[in-house]
């Protein structure tokens, strides 16, 4: 067992405390909100010190911030959850414009300069996002159902598959037919995905202000979309998703997330020069 002398322990503590004092602190920015007074949210921000989350204000807008070391922030589970938790809690009381994860400004003065410089842009976007929430919908085929449906809808695929199954040839001699069936199934799934995604979107579109289609993450995923919904239509949107889930439960899995901050509809990018970190 390695023995550490008290003297070397003190030496290590000294180095650590020097490093801590040498570390520069700035302001970590979570989001921009419509607030005309300074607010302390009673929330704990990113970092080991669990700093208080407050605001830096300019006129009737503000940046939601906490004191944090000026460094590159890892997208770890803990950091991401803290960042999201702050934004979601603030969202309960204010319109929020999410700011990209890991954005740190050198000091409060630079944030005030930023708010002043981009005041009209932020005011316009805050007005557009007022009383709106983002809702996420993922629609996935049930594995046991989709292939049965594709077989029943495509005679040519059925015919080739039956030939392979009846064949007495070893698998390596039916390689071409197997590859052909694979390609045909893939093409049929793509067509079917486009049709069904279109149906879901047509059904939900009347209840949203805007939507974004995101990349599908699985072969069986039909749709991965984010919807910007006015609070007055949120209950109707919920009903439509629930009705779709009930009707299609035997063949579809629907994952419904929200309300969350409008990440897919607002992308506030703050340049390094604006943060004073050049």
C-alpha atoms as a PDB file:
ATOM      1  CA  UNK A   1       0.000   0.000   0.000  1.00  0.00           C
ATOM      2  CA  UNK A   2       1.368   3.420  -0.974  1.00  0.00           C
ATOM      3  CA  UNK A   3       1.917   5.632   2.078  1.00  0.00           C
ATOM      4  CA  UNK A   4       1.313   9.387   1.762  1.00  0.00           C
ATOM      5  CA  UNK A   5       3.153  11.502   4.327  1.00  0.00           C
ATOM      6  CA  UNK A   6       1.250  14.381   6.005  1.00  0.00           C
ATOM      7  CA  UNK A   7       3.801  16.747   4.496  1.00  0.00           C
ATOM      8  CA  UNK A   8       3.064  15.619   0.917  1.00  0.00           C
ATOM      9  CA  UNK A   9      -0.678  15.764   1.689  1.00  0.00           C
ATOM     10  CA  UNK A  10      -0.298  19.416   2.701  1.00  0.00           C
ATOM     11  CA  UNK A  11       1.735  20.064  -0.434  1.00  0.00           C
ATOM     12  CA  UNK A  12      -1.042  18.541  -2.599  1.00  0.00           C
ATOM     13  CA  UNK A  13      -3.685  20.618  -0.836  1.00  0.00           C
ATOM     14  CA  UNK A  14      -1.605  23.722  -1.443  1.00  0.00           C
ATOM     15  CA  UNK A  15      -1.354  22.974  -5.178  1.00  0.00           C
ATOM     16  CA  UNK A  16      -5.103  22.297  -5.385  1.00  0.00           C
ATOM     17  CA  UNK A  17      -6.012  25.529  -3.608  1.00  0.00           C
ATOM     18  CA  UNK A  18      -3.654  27.484  -5.881  1.00  0.00           C
ATOM     19  CA  UNK A  19      -5.259  25.887  -8.953  1.00  0.00           C
ATOM     20  CA  UNK A  20      -8.702  26.750  -7.614  1.00  0.00           C
ATOM     21  CA  UNK A  21      -7.795  30.370  -7.020  1.00  0.00           C
ATOM     22  CA  UNK A  22      -6.130  30.614 -10.423  1.00  0.00           C
ATOM     23  CA  UNK A  23      -9.225  29.314 -12.213  1.00  0.00           C
ATOM     24  CA  UNK A  24     -11.137  32.158 -13.852  1.00  0.00           C
ATOM     25  CA  UNK A  25     -14.856  32.375 -13.197  1.00  0.00           C
ATOM     26  CA  UNK A  26     -17.459  33.759 -15.574  1.00  0.00           C
ATOM     27  CA  UNK A  27     -21.215  33.437 -16.118  1.00  0.00           C
ATOM     28  CA  UNK A  28     -22.756  30.259 -17.564  1.00  0.00           C
ATOM     29  CA  UNK A  29     -25.805  31.178 -19.713  1.00  0.00           C
ATOM     30  CA  UNK A  30     -28.870  28.863 -19.799  1.00  0.00           C
ATOM     31  CA  UNK A  31     -31.457  30.895 -21.690  1.00  0.00           C
ATOM     32  CA  UNK A  32     -32.850  34.351 -22.483  1.00  0.00           C
ATOM     33  CA  UNK A  33     -36.171  35.360 -20.882  1.00  0.00           C
ATOM     34  CA  UNK A  34     -38.677  38.229 -20.747  1.00  0.00           C
ATOM     35  CA  UNK A  35     -38.024  39.664 -17.262  1.00  0.00           C
ATOM     36  CA  UNK A  36     -37.713  43.300 -16.239  1.00  0.00           C
ATOM     37  CA  UNK A  37     -36.490  42.634 -12.661  1.00  0.00           C
ATOM     38  CA  UNK A  38     -33.522  40.691 -11.306  1.00  0.00           C
ATOM     39  CA  UNK A  39     -34.590  37.184 -10.259  1.00  0.00           C
ATOM     40  CA  UNK A  40     -33.021  34.571  -7.991  1.00  0.00           C
ATOM     41  CA  UNK A  41     -34.707  31.309  -8.990  1.00  0.00           C
ATOM     42  CA  UNK A  42     -33.647  29.258  -5.945  1.00  0.00           C
ATOM     43  CA  UNK A  43     -32.156  26.722  -8.360  1.00  0.00           C
ATOM     44  CA  UNK A  44     -28.689  25.177  -8.344  1.00  0.00           C
ATOM     45  CA  UNK A  45     -26.608  25.587 -11.486  1.00  0.00           C
ATOM     46  CA  UNK A  46     -23.881  23.670 -13.282  1.00  0.00           C
ATOM     47  CA  UNK A  47     -20.631  22.905 -11.467  1.00  0.00           C
ATOM     48  CA  UNK A  48     -19.333  21.317  -8.271  1.00  0.00           C
ATOM     49  CA  UNK A  49     -20.113  24.434  -6.198  1.00  0.00           C
ATOM     50  CA  UNK A  50     -23.824  24.211  -7.141  1.00  0.00           C
ATOM     51  CA  UNK A  51     -24.100  27.997  -7.672  1.00  0.00           C
ATOM     52  CA  UNK A  52     -27.337  29.999  -7.433  1.00  0.00           C
ATOM     53  CA  UNK A  53     -29.180  30.652 -10.695  1.00  0.00           C
ATOM     54  CA  UNK A  54     -29.976  34.360 -11.183  1.00  0.00           C
ATOM     55  CA  UNK A  55     -30.396  36.885 -14.017  1.00  0.00           C
ATOM     56  CA  UNK A  56     -28.412  39.572 -15.789  1.00  0.00           C
ATOM     57  CA  UNK A  57     -30.949  42.154 -16.971  1.00  0.00           C
ATOM     58  CA  UNK A  58     -31.235  44.729 -19.721  1.00  0.00           C
ATOM     59  CA  UNK A  59     -34.512  46.689 -20.054  1.00  0.00           C
ATOM     60  CA  UNK A  60     -37.266  44.027 -20.071  1.00  0.00           C
ATOM     61  CA  UNK A  61     -35.168  41.011 -21.095  1.00  0.00           C
ATOM     62  CA  UNK A  62     -32.619  38.973 -19.153  1.00  0.00           C
ATOM     63  CA  UNK A  63     -30.090  36.166 -19.416  1.00  0.00           C
ATOM     64  CA  UNK A  64     -30.505  33.337 -16.891  1.00  0.00           C
ATOM     65  CA  UNK A  65     -27.021  32.629 -15.498  1.00  0.00           C
ATOM     66  CA  UNK A  66     -24.921  31.119 -12.729  1.00  0.00           C
ATOM     67  CA  UNK A  67     -21.289  31.700 -11.733  1.00  0.00           C
ATOM     68  CA  UNK A  68     -19.087  29.018 -13.293  1.00  0.00           C
ATOM     69  CA  UNK A  69     -15.459  28.340 -14.229  1.00  0.00           C
ATOM     70  CA  UNK A  70     -14.503  29.504 -17.728  1.00  0.00           C
ATOM     71  CA  UNK A  71     -13.757  26.183 -19.440  1.00  0.00           C
ATOM     72  CA  UNK A  72     -15.100  23.741 -22.020  1.00  0.00           C
ATOM     73  CA  UNK A  73     -18.069  21.872 -20.540  1.00  0.00           C
ATOM     74  CA  UNK A  74     -18.394  18.151 -21.178  1.00  0.00           C
ATOM     75  CA  UNK A  75     -21.829  17.010 -22.329  1.00  0.00           C
ATOM     76  CA  UNK A  76     -22.035  14.599 -19.379  1.00  0.00           C
ATOM     77  CA  UNK A  77     -25.303  13.215 -18.047  1.00  0.00           C
ATOM     78  CA  UNK A  78     -25.068  15.353 -14.881  1.00  0.00           C
ATOM     79  CA  UNK A  79     -24.279  18.586 -16.765  1.00  0.00           C
ATOM     80  CA  UNK A  80     -27.024  18.006 -19.358  1.00  0.00           C
ATOM     81  CA  UNK A  81     -29.635  17.193 -16.706  1.00  0.00           C
ATOM     82  CA  UNK A  82     -28.714  20.301 -14.648  1.00  0.00           C
ATOM     83  CA  UNK A  83     -28.840  22.546 -17.730  1.00  0.00           C
ATOM     84  CA  UNK A  84     -32.230  21.148 -18.834  1.00  0.00           C
ATOM     85  CA  UNK A  85     -33.662  21.236 -15.297  1.00  0.00           C
ATOM     86  CA  UNK A  86     -32.836  24.951 -14.970  1.00  0.00           C
ATOM     87  CA  UNK A  87     -34.408  25.775 -18.362  1.00  0.00           C
ATOM     88  CA  UNK A  88     -37.547  23.711 -17.643  1.00  0.00           C
ATOM     89  CA  UNK A  89     -38.069  25.278 -14.204  1.00  0.00           C
ATOM     90  CA  UNK A  90     -37.598  28.827 -15.554  1.00  0.00           C
ATOM     91  CA  UNK A  91     -40.031  27.946 -18.361  1.00  0.00           C
ATOM     92  CA  UNK A  92     -42.816  27.473 -15.784  1.00  0.00           C
ATOM     93  CA  UNK A  93     -42.847  31.261 -15.228  1.00  0.00           C
ATOM     94  CA  UNK A  94     -41.265  32.883 -18.296  1.00  0.00           C
ATOM     95  CA  UNK A  95     -41.001  32.605 -22.071  1.00  0.00           C
ATOM     96  CA  UNK A  96     -37.560  31.083 -22.687  1.00  0.00           C
ATOM     97  CA  UNK A  97     -35.132  31.141 -25.595  1.00  0.00           C
ATOM     98  CA  UNK A  98     -32.750  28.224 -24.985  1.00  0.00           C
ATOM     99  CA  UNK A  99     -29.038  28.991 -25.351  1.00  0.00           C
ATOM    100  CA  UNK A 100     -26.657  26.304 -26.593  1.00  0.00           C
ATOM    101  CA  UNK A 101     -25.206  24.047 -23.865  1.00  0.00           C
ATOM    102  CA  UNK A 102     -21.766  25.078 -22.562  1.00  0.00           C
ATOM    103  CA  UNK A 103     -22.053  28.839 -23.260  1.00  0.00           C
ATOM    104  CA  UNK A 104     -19.995  30.856 -20.736  1.00  0.00           C
ATOM    105  CA  UNK A 105     -19.381  34.625 -20.801  1.00  0.00           C
ATOM    106  CA  UNK A 106     -16.380  36.297 -19.197  1.00  0.00           C
ATOM    107  CA  UNK A 107     -18.489  38.592 -16.990  1.00  0.00           C
ATOM    108  CA  UNK A 108     -21.890  40.244 -16.421  1.00  0.00           C
ATOM    109  CA  UNK A 109     -20.947  43.424 -18.303  1.00  0.00           C
ATOM    110  CA  UNK A 110     -20.395  41.459 -21.524  1.00  0.00           C
ATOM    111  CA  UNK A 111     -23.798  39.813 -21.118  1.00  0.00           C
ATOM    112  CA  UNK A 112     -25.427  43.238 -20.746  1.00  0.00           C
ATOM    113  CA  UNK A 113     -23.626  44.428 -23.899  1.00  0.00           C
ATOM    114  CA  UNK A 114     -24.878  41.279 -25.692  1.00  0.00           C
ATOM    115  CA  UNK A 115     -28.482  41.874 -24.541  1.00  0.00           C
ATOM    116  CA  UNK A 116     -28.292  45.506 -25.643  1.00  0.00           C
ATOM    117  CA  UNK A 117     -26.756  44.673 -29.030  1.00  0.00           C
ATOM    118  CA  UNK A 118     -29.226  41.873 -29.843  1.00  0.00           C
ATOM    119  CA  UNK A 119     -32.199  43.372 -27.984  1.00  0.00           C
ATOM    120  CA  UNK A 120     -34.529  43.636 -31.011  1.00  0.00           C
ATOM    121  CA  UNK A 121     -33.694  40.101 -32.201  1.00  0.00           C
ATOM    122  CA  UNK A 122     -34.338  38.621 -28.733  1.00  0.00           C
ATOM    123  CA  UNK A 123     -37.551  40.659 -28.246  1.00  0.00           C
ATOM    124  CA  UNK A 124     -38.912  39.509 -31.621  1.00  0.00           C
ATOM    125  CA  UNK A 125     -38.116  35.837 -30.912  1.00  0.00           C
ATOM    126  CA  UNK A 126     -39.533  36.062 -27.376  1.00  0.00           C
ATOM    127  CA  UNK A 127     -42.782  37.467 -28.839  1.00  0.00           C
ATOM    128  CA  UNK A 128     -42.899  34.585 -31.376  1.00  0.00           C
ATOM    129  CA  UNK A 129     -42.371  31.976 -28.621  1.00  0.00           C
ATOM    130  CA  UNK A 130     -44.740  33.511 -26.061  1.00  0.00           C
ATOM    131  CA  UNK A 131     -47.144  30.890 -24.655  1.00  0.00           C
ATOM    132  CA  UNK A 132     -45.724  28.192 -26.917  1.00  0.00           C
ATOM    133  CA  UNK A 133     -44.208  24.837 -26.003  1.00  0.00           C
ATOM    134  CA  UNK A 134     -42.313  22.142 -27.853  1.00  0.00           C
ATOM    135  CA  UNK A 135     -43.767  18.619 -27.890  1.00  0.00           C
ATOM    136  CA  UNK A 136     -41.885  15.631 -29.278  1.00  0.00           C
ATOM    137  CA  UNK A 137     -43.545  12.686 -31.045  1.00  0.00           C
ATOM    138  CA  UNK A 138     -41.762   9.481 -32.063  1.00  0.00           C
ATOM    139  CA  UNK A 139     -43.793   6.845 -33.920  1.00  0.00           C
ATOM    140  CA  UNK A 140     -42.361   3.306 -34.221  1.00  0.00           C
ATOM    141  CA  UNK A 141     -43.744   0.171 -35.881  1.00  0.00           C
ATOM    142  CA  UNK A 142     -44.078  -2.912 -33.684  1.00  0.00           C
ATOM    143  CA  UNK A 143     -41.475  -5.379 -34.935  1.00  0.00           C
ATOM    144  CA  UNK A 144     -43.815  -8.379 -35.090  1.00  0.00           C
ATOM    145  CA  UNK A 145     -46.366  -6.436 -37.165  1.00  0.00           C
ATOM    146  CA  UNK A 146     -44.394  -4.476 -39.760  1.00  0.00           C
ATOM    147  CA  UNK A 147     -42.847  -7.444 -41.602  1.00  0.00           C
ATOM    148  CA  UNK A 148     -46.181  -9.292 -41.694  1.00  0.00           C
ATOM    149  CA  UNK A 149     -47.816  -6.188 -43.200  1.00  0.00           C
ATOM    150  CA  UNK A 150     -45.079  -5.789 -45.814  1.00  0.00           C
ATOM    151  CA  UNK A 151     -45.411  -9.453 -46.835  1.00  0.00           C
ATOM    152  CA  UNK A 152     -49.197  -9.260 -47.084  1.00  0.00           C
ATOM    153  CA  UNK A 153     -49.005  -6.027 -49.154  1.00  0.00           C
ATOM    154  CA  UNK A 154     -46.263  -7.187 -51.583  1.00  0.00           C
ATOM    155  CA  UNK A 155     -46.957 -10.263 -53.683  1.00  0.00           C
ATOM    156  CA  UNK A 156     -43.512 -10.285 -55.344  1.00  0.00           C
ATOM    157  CA  UNK A 157     -41.713 -10.360 -51.976  1.00  0.00           C
ATOM    158  CA  UNK A 158     -44.006 -13.209 -50.837  1.00  0.00           C
ATOM    159  CA  UNK A 159     -43.313 -15.211 -53.995  1.00  0.00           C
ATOM    160  CA  UNK A 160     -39.507 -14.959 -53.753  1.00  0.00           C
ATOM    161  CA  UNK A 161     -39.562 -15.664 -50.003  1.00  0.00           C
ATOM    162  CA  UNK A 162     -41.720 -18.775 -50.534  1.00  0.00           C
ATOM    163  CA  UNK A 163     -39.336 -19.992 -53.255  1.00  0.00           C
ATOM    164  CA  UNK A 164     -36.370 -19.621 -50.870  1.00  0.00           C
ATOM    165  CA  UNK A 165     -38.222 -21.443 -48.075  1.00  0.00           C
ATOM    166  CA  UNK A 166     -39.252 -24.323 -50.371  1.00  0.00           C
ATOM    167  CA  UNK A 167     -35.823 -24.586 -51.991  1.00  0.00           C
ATOM    168  CA  UNK A 168     -33.634 -27.550 -51.091  1.00  0.00           C
ATOM    169  CA  UNK A 169     -30.537 -25.555 -52.101  1.00  0.00           C
ATOM    170  CA  UNK A 170     -28.017 -24.635 -49.374  1.00  0.00           C
ATOM    171  CA  UNK A 171     -28.211 -20.982 -48.155  1.00  0.00           C
ATOM    172  CA  UNK A 172     -25.069 -19.905 -50.053  1.00  0.00           C
ATOM    173  CA  UNK A 173     -26.786 -20.838 -53.332  1.00  0.00           C
ATOM    174  CA  UNK A 174     -29.858 -18.697 -52.637  1.00  0.00           C
ATOM    175  CA  UNK A 175     -27.752 -15.669 -51.684  1.00  0.00           C
ATOM    176  CA  UNK A 176     -28.942 -13.584 -54.661  1.00  0.00           C
ATOM    177  CA  UNK A 177     -32.639 -14.218 -53.895  1.00  0.00           C
ATOM    178  CA  UNK A 178     -32.113 -13.403 -50.198  1.00  0.00           C
ATOM    179  CA  UNK A 179     -30.327 -10.140 -51.068  1.00  0.00           C
ATOM    180  CA  UNK A 180     -33.143  -9.276 -53.496  1.00  0.00           C
ATOM    181  CA  UNK A 181     -35.799  -9.859 -50.807  1.00  0.00           C
ATOM    182  CA  UNK A 182     -33.805  -7.670 -48.386  1.00  0.00           C
ATOM    183  CA  UNK A 183     -33.657  -4.813 -50.915  1.00  0.00           C
ATOM    184  CA  UNK A 184     -37.358  -5.124 -51.720  1.00  0.00           C
ATOM    185  CA  UNK A 185     -38.340  -5.127 -48.030  1.00  0.00           C
ATOM    186  CA  UNK A 186     -36.197  -2.017 -47.460  1.00  0.00           C
ATOM    187  CA  UNK A 187     -37.783  -0.198 -50.424  1.00  0.00           C
ATOM    188  CA  UNK A 188     -41.285  -1.195 -49.265  1.00  0.00           C
ATOM    189  CA  UNK A 189     -40.518   0.060 -45.731  1.00  0.00           C
ATOM    190  CA  UNK A 190     -39.280   3.412 -47.084  1.00  0.00           C
ATOM    191  CA  UNK A 191     -42.493   3.878 -49.117  1.00  0.00           C
ATOM    192  CA  UNK A 192     -44.674   2.812 -46.197  1.00  0.00           C
ATOM    193  CA  UNK A 193     -42.756   5.074 -43.776  1.00  0.00           C
ATOM    194  CA  UNK A 194     -43.277   8.121 -46.029  1.00  0.00           C
ATOM    195  CA  UNK A 195     -47.002   7.387 -46.407  1.00  0.00           C
ATOM    196  CA  UNK A 196     -47.625   6.814 -42.698  1.00  0.00           C
ATOM    197  CA  UNK A 197     -45.448   9.750 -41.559  1.00  0.00           C
ATOM    198  CA  UNK A 198     -47.488  11.948 -43.917  1.00  0.00           C
ATOM    199  CA  UNK A 199     -50.733  10.673 -42.358  1.00  0.00           C
ATOM    200  CA  UNK A 200     -49.540  11.403 -38.800  1.00  0.00           C
ATOM    201  CA  UNK A 201     -48.325  14.893 -39.777  1.00  0.00           C
ATOM    202  CA  UNK A 202     -51.603  15.701 -41.575  1.00  0.00           C
ATOM    203  CA  UNK A 203     -53.468  14.707 -38.444  1.00  0.00           C
ATOM    204  CA  UNK A 204     -51.350  16.757 -36.003  1.00  0.00           C
ATOM    205  CA  UNK A 205     -50.575  19.807 -38.170  1.00  0.00           C
ATOM    206  CA  UNK A 206     -53.880  21.639 -37.523  1.00  0.00           C
ATOM    207  CA  UNK A 207     -53.009  21.718 -33.805  1.00  0.00           C
ATOM    208  CA  UNK A 208     -49.490  23.171 -34.063  1.00  0.00           C
ATOM    209  CA  UNK A 209     -47.899  26.449 -35.135  1.00  0.00           C
ATOM    210  CA  UNK A 210     -44.881  24.769 -36.739  1.00  0.00           C
ATOM    211  CA  UNK A 211     -43.085  21.421 -36.819  1.00  0.00           C
ATOM    212  CA  UNK A 212     -39.654  19.961 -37.570  1.00  0.00           C
ATOM    213  CA  UNK A 213     -38.950  16.473 -38.817  1.00  0.00           C
ATOM    214  CA  UNK A 214     -35.817  15.048 -37.206  1.00  0.00           C
ATOM    215  CA  UNK A 215     -33.749  12.082 -38.377  1.00  0.00           C
ATOM    216  CA  UNK A 216     -35.369   8.685 -37.749  1.00  0.00           C
ATOM    217  CA  UNK A 217     -33.183   6.650 -35.399  1.00  0.00           C
ATOM    218  CA  UNK A 218     -34.340   3.086 -36.191  1.00  0.00           C
ATOM    219  CA  UNK A 219     -35.452   1.170 -39.292  1.00  0.00           C
ATOM    220  CA  UNK A 220     -38.817   0.717 -37.595  1.00  0.00           C
ATOM    221  CA  UNK A 221     -39.219   4.420 -36.779  1.00  0.00           C
ATOM    222  CA  UNK A 222     -41.823   6.134 -38.961  1.00  0.00           C
ATOM    223  CA  UNK A 223     -41.537   9.645 -37.567  1.00  0.00           C
ATOM    224  CA  UNK A 224     -39.345  11.613 -35.183  1.00  0.00           C
ATOM    225  CA  UNK A 225     -40.808  15.118 -35.046  1.00  0.00           C
ATOM    226  CA  UNK A 226     -40.932  18.183 -32.817  1.00  0.00           C
ATOM    227  CA  UNK A 227     -44.056  20.344 -32.768  1.00  0.00           C
ATOM    228  CA  UNK A 228     -44.346  23.965 -31.661  1.00  0.00           C
ATOM    229  CA  UNK A 229     -47.756  24.195 -30.003  1.00  0.00           C
ATOM    230  CA  UNK A 230     -49.628  27.195 -28.618  1.00  0.00           C
ATOM    231  CA  UNK A 231     -50.657  26.599 -24.993  1.00  0.00           C
ATOM    232  CA  UNK A 232     -54.309  27.143 -26.022  1.00  0.00           C
ATOM    233  CA  UNK A 233     -54.076  24.085 -28.327  1.00  0.00           C
ATOM    234  CA  UNK A 234     -51.961  21.839 -26.101  1.00  0.00           C
ATOM    235  CA  UNK A 235     -54.960  19.877 -24.762  1.00  0.00           C
ATOM    236  CA  UNK A 236     -56.290  19.295 -28.326  1.00  0.00           C
ATOM    237  CA  UNK A 237     -52.836  18.174 -29.482  1.00  0.00           C
ATOM    238  CA  UNK A 238     -52.650  15.762 -26.498  1.00  0.00           C
ATOM    239  CA  UNK A 239     -56.062  14.340 -27.446  1.00  0.00           C
ATOM    240  CA  UNK A 240     -54.980  13.720 -31.045  1.00  0.00           C
ATOM    241  CA  UNK A 241     -51.821  11.882 -29.936  1.00  0.00           C
ATOM    242  CA  UNK A 242     -53.818   9.810 -27.416  1.00  0.00           C
ATOM    243  CA  UNK A 243     -56.465   8.953 -30.034  1.00  0.00           C
ATOM    244  CA  UNK A 244     -53.771   7.884 -32.518  1.00  0.00           C
ATOM    245  CA  UNK A 245     -52.150   5.750 -29.810  1.00  0.00           C
ATOM    246  CA  UNK A 246     -55.458   4.005 -28.989  1.00  0.00           C
ATOM    247  CA  UNK A 247     -56.385   3.387 -32.645  1.00  0.00           C
ATOM    248  CA  UNK A 248     -52.965   2.049 -33.657  1.00  0.00           C
ATOM    249  CA  UNK A 249     -51.830   0.447 -30.391  1.00  0.00           C
ATOM    250  CA  UNK A 250     -51.706  -3.033 -31.956  1.00  0.00           C
ATOM    251  CA  UNK A 251     -49.170  -1.930 -34.591  1.00  0.00           C
ATOM    252  CA  UNK A 252     -47.472   1.280 -33.397  1.00  0.00           C
ATOM    253  CA  UNK A 253     -45.503   2.445 -30.358  1.00  0.00           C
ATOM    254  CA  UNK A 254     -45.872   6.196 -29.753  1.00  0.00           C
ATOM    255  CA  UNK A 255     -43.387   8.051 -27.552  1.00  0.00           C
ATOM    256  CA  UNK A 256     -44.649  11.468 -26.523  1.00  0.00           C
ATOM    257  CA  UNK A 257     -42.371  13.951 -24.734  1.00  0.00           C
ATOM    258  CA  UNK A 258     -42.954  17.444 -23.388  1.00  0.00           C
ATOM    259  CA  UNK A 259     -43.611  20.193 -22.851  1.00  0.00           C
ATOM    260  CA  UNK A 260     -39.973  21.249 -23.208  1.00  0.00           C
ATOM    261  CA  UNK A 261     -38.228  24.494 -24.200  1.00  0.00           C
ATOM    262  CA  UNK A 262     -38.381  25.171 -27.977  1.00  0.00           C
ATOM    263  CA  UNK A 263     -34.857  23.852 -28.783  1.00  0.00           C
ATOM    264  CA  UNK A 264     -35.829  22.809 -32.309  1.00  0.00           C
ATOM    265  CA  UNK A 265     -37.328  26.200 -33.154  1.00  0.00           C
ATOM    266  CA  UNK A 266     -34.854  28.585 -31.508  1.00  0.00           C
ATOM    267  CA  UNK A 267     -31.115  28.403 -31.932  1.00  0.00           C
ATOM    268  CA  UNK A 268     -29.426  31.202 -30.038  1.00  0.00           C
ATOM    269  CA  UNK A 269     -25.767  31.089 -31.006  1.00  0.00           C
ATOM    270  CA  UNK A 270     -23.505  33.448 -29.099  1.00  0.00           C
ATOM    271  CA  UNK A 271     -20.080  33.976 -30.660  1.00  0.00           C
ATOM    272  CA  UNK A 272     -16.846  33.697 -28.686  1.00  0.00           C
ATOM    273  CA  UNK A 273     -16.132  37.390 -29.360  1.00  0.00           C
ATOM    274  CA  UNK A 274     -19.481  38.331 -27.755  1.00  0.00           C
ATOM    275  CA  UNK A 275     -18.545  36.265 -24.689  1.00  0.00           C
ATOM    276  CA  UNK A 276     -15.171  37.994 -24.312  1.00  0.00           C
ATOM    277  CA  UNK A 277     -13.220  34.753 -24.725  1.00  0.00           C
ATOM    278  CA  UNK A 278     -11.230  35.474 -27.883  1.00  0.00           C
END
